[in-house]
Amino acid sequence: MLKQLRKLGLKHVRREHGNAISAAVVEMQHLESLNITAMVEDEIIDLNFVSIPPKLQRLHLQARLEKLPDWIPKFESLVQIMLALSKLKDDPMQSLKNLPNLLKLSLWENAYDGE
């Protein structure tokens, strides 16, 4: 019902909320900023967006991710990404290096756990 929303911030998100969040965000065609914070540090959040809000510019994820979601490199309008607590095993730069408008990349606490 919040299809005109420009900024969305969600805290205390649990794994089981992933599908509902994904379904809601897909409908928010004017969304410019998305901030998702997990309930606890080791809570794995799986966000499987079927399509991407075309105006999304800022993405902040503070949650454990099994891998960097496939949809992130498709966000050509992204100018800012912040990842924290992700514990990614694979180098996120391989997916992020081709984002044409990315101006700010922040990898905070435990964002990357690889070599």
Protein backbone atom coordinates (compact mmCIF):
# COMPACT_ATOMS: atom_id res chain seq x y z
CA MET A 1 0.00 0.00 0.00
CA LEU A 2 3.01 2.33 0.28
CA LYS A 3 3.75 2.41 -3.43
CA GLN A 4 4.75 6.12 -3.46
CA LEU A 5 7.37 5.68 -0.72
CA ARG A 6 10.81 7.16 -1.45
CA LYS A 7 12.72 5.94 1.63
CA LEU A 8 12.25 2.69 3.53
CA GLY A 9 14.13 1.62 6.65
CA LEU A 10 13.43 -1.66 8.40
CA LYS A 11 15.03 -2.78 11.67
CA HIS A 12 14.85 -6.07 13.56
CA VAL A 13 14.25 -8.02 10.35
CA ARG A 14 14.18 -11.81 10.58
CA ARG A 15 14.87 -14.43 7.94
CA GLU A 16 11.19 -15.22 7.51
CA HIS A 17 10.48 -11.58 6.58
CA GLY A 18 12.62 -11.79 3.42
CA ASN A 19 9.90 -12.84 0.98
CA ALA A 20 7.38 -10.29 2.28
CA ILE A 21 9.95 -7.49 2.09
CA SER A 22 10.94 -8.51 -1.43
CA ALA A 23 7.30 -8.58 -2.58
CA ALA A 24 6.59 -5.15 -1.06
CA VAL A 25 9.72 -3.45 -2.40
CA VAL A 26 9.03 -4.63 -5.96
CA GLU A 27 5.81 -2.58 -5.86
CA MET A 28 7.62 0.61 -4.73
CA GLN A 29 8.54 2.08 -8.10
CA HIS A 30 9.59 5.43 -6.57
CA LEU A 31 11.85 3.97 -3.87
CA GLU A 32 15.21 5.78 -3.73
CA SER A 33 16.66 4.54 -0.43
CA LEU A 34 16.44 1.10 1.20
CA ASN A 35 17.93 0.33 4.62
CA ILE A 36 17.50 -3.15 6.13
CA THR A 37 18.93 -4.20 9.50
CA ALA A 38 18.67 -7.77 10.81
CA MET A 39 17.27 -8.67 14.22
CA VAL A 40 20.56 -10.25 15.34
CA GLU A 41 24.06 -10.32 13.89
CA ASP A 42 23.92 -13.90 12.57
CA GLU A 43 20.40 -13.67 11.13
CA ILE A 44 20.66 -14.54 7.42
CA ILE A 45 18.35 -12.38 5.34
CA ASP A 46 17.46 -13.64 1.89
CA LEU A 47 16.13 -10.89 -0.36
CA ASN A 48 15.05 -12.25 -3.73
CA PHE A 49 13.73 -9.34 -5.72
CA VAL A 50 11.97 -10.44 -8.91
CA SER A 51 12.31 -6.94 -10.34
CA ILE A 52 14.10 -3.85 -9.14
CA PRO A 53 12.72 -0.41 -8.26
CA PRO A 54 14.18 1.68 -11.09
CA LYS A 55 15.02 4.74 -8.97
CA LEU A 56 16.87 3.03 -6.10
CA GLN A 57 20.02 5.05 -5.35
CA ARG A 58 21.01 4.04 -1.81
CA LEU A 59 21.18 0.52 -0.40
CA HIS A 60 22.22 -0.21 3.18
CA LEU A 61 22.19 -3.85 4.31
CA GLN A 62 23.17 -4.77 7.85
CA ALA A 63 22.54 -8.49 7.86
CA ARG A 64 24.25 -11.77 7.22
CA LEU A 65 24.07 -12.76 3.55
CA GLU A 66 24.85 -16.21 2.23
CA LYS A 67 26.13 -14.44 -0.89
CA LEU A 68 25.82 -11.05 -2.47
CA PRO A 69 22.34 -11.01 -4.03
CA ASP A 70 22.34 -11.34 -7.83
CA TRP A 71 20.11 -8.30 -8.21
CA ILE A 72 22.57 -5.80 -6.70
CA PRO A 73 24.79 -5.50 -9.83
CA LYS A 74 21.65 -4.79 -11.89
CA PHE A 75 20.90 -1.55 -9.97
CA GLU A 76 22.44 0.86 -12.47
CA SER A 77 21.05 3.84 -10.56
CA LEU A 78 22.86 2.95 -7.31
CA VAL A 79 25.18 5.68 -6.08
CA GLN A 80 25.74 4.38 -2.55
CA ILE A 81 26.04 0.90 -1.03
CA MET A 82 26.76 0.06 2.60
CA LEU A 83 27.20 -3.54 3.71
CA ALA A 84 27.72 -4.60 7.33
CA LEU A 85 27.64 -7.97 9.14
CA SER A 86 27.33 -9.71 5.75
CA LYS A 87 30.28 -12.09 6.25
CA LEU A 88 30.54 -12.56 2.50
CA LYS A 89 32.93 -15.31 1.46
CA ASP A 90 33.19 -14.25 -2.20
CA ASP A 91 34.81 -10.96 -3.14
CA PRO A 92 31.94 -8.44 -3.54
CA MET A 93 34.06 -6.27 -5.85
CA GLN A 94 33.57 -8.74 -8.71
CA SER A 95 29.85 -7.96 -8.68
CA LEU A 96 30.07 -4.28 -7.79
CA LYS A 97 32.87 -3.13 -10.09
CA ASN A 98 30.61 -2.57 -13.08
CA LEU A 99 28.00 -0.36 -11.39
CA PRO A 100 28.23 2.76 -13.57
CA ASN A 101 26.98 5.34 -11.04
CA LEU A 102 28.39 3.99 -7.77
CA LEU A 103 30.06 6.86 -5.89
CA LYS A 104 30.31 5.50 -2.35
CA LEU A 105 30.96 1.94 -1.19
CA SER A 106 31.15 1.23 2.54
CA LEU A 107 32.10 -2.19 3.84
CA TRP A 108 31.63 -2.04 7.60
CA GLU A 109 32.01 -4.50 10.42
CA ASN A 110 32.33 -8.09 9.15
CA ALA A 111 31.08 -7.21 5.67
CA TYR A 112 33.69 -9.41 3.96
CA ASP A 113 34.98 -12.62 5.52
CA GLY A 114 37.01 -13.94 2.59
CA GLU A 115 40.69 -13.77 1.76
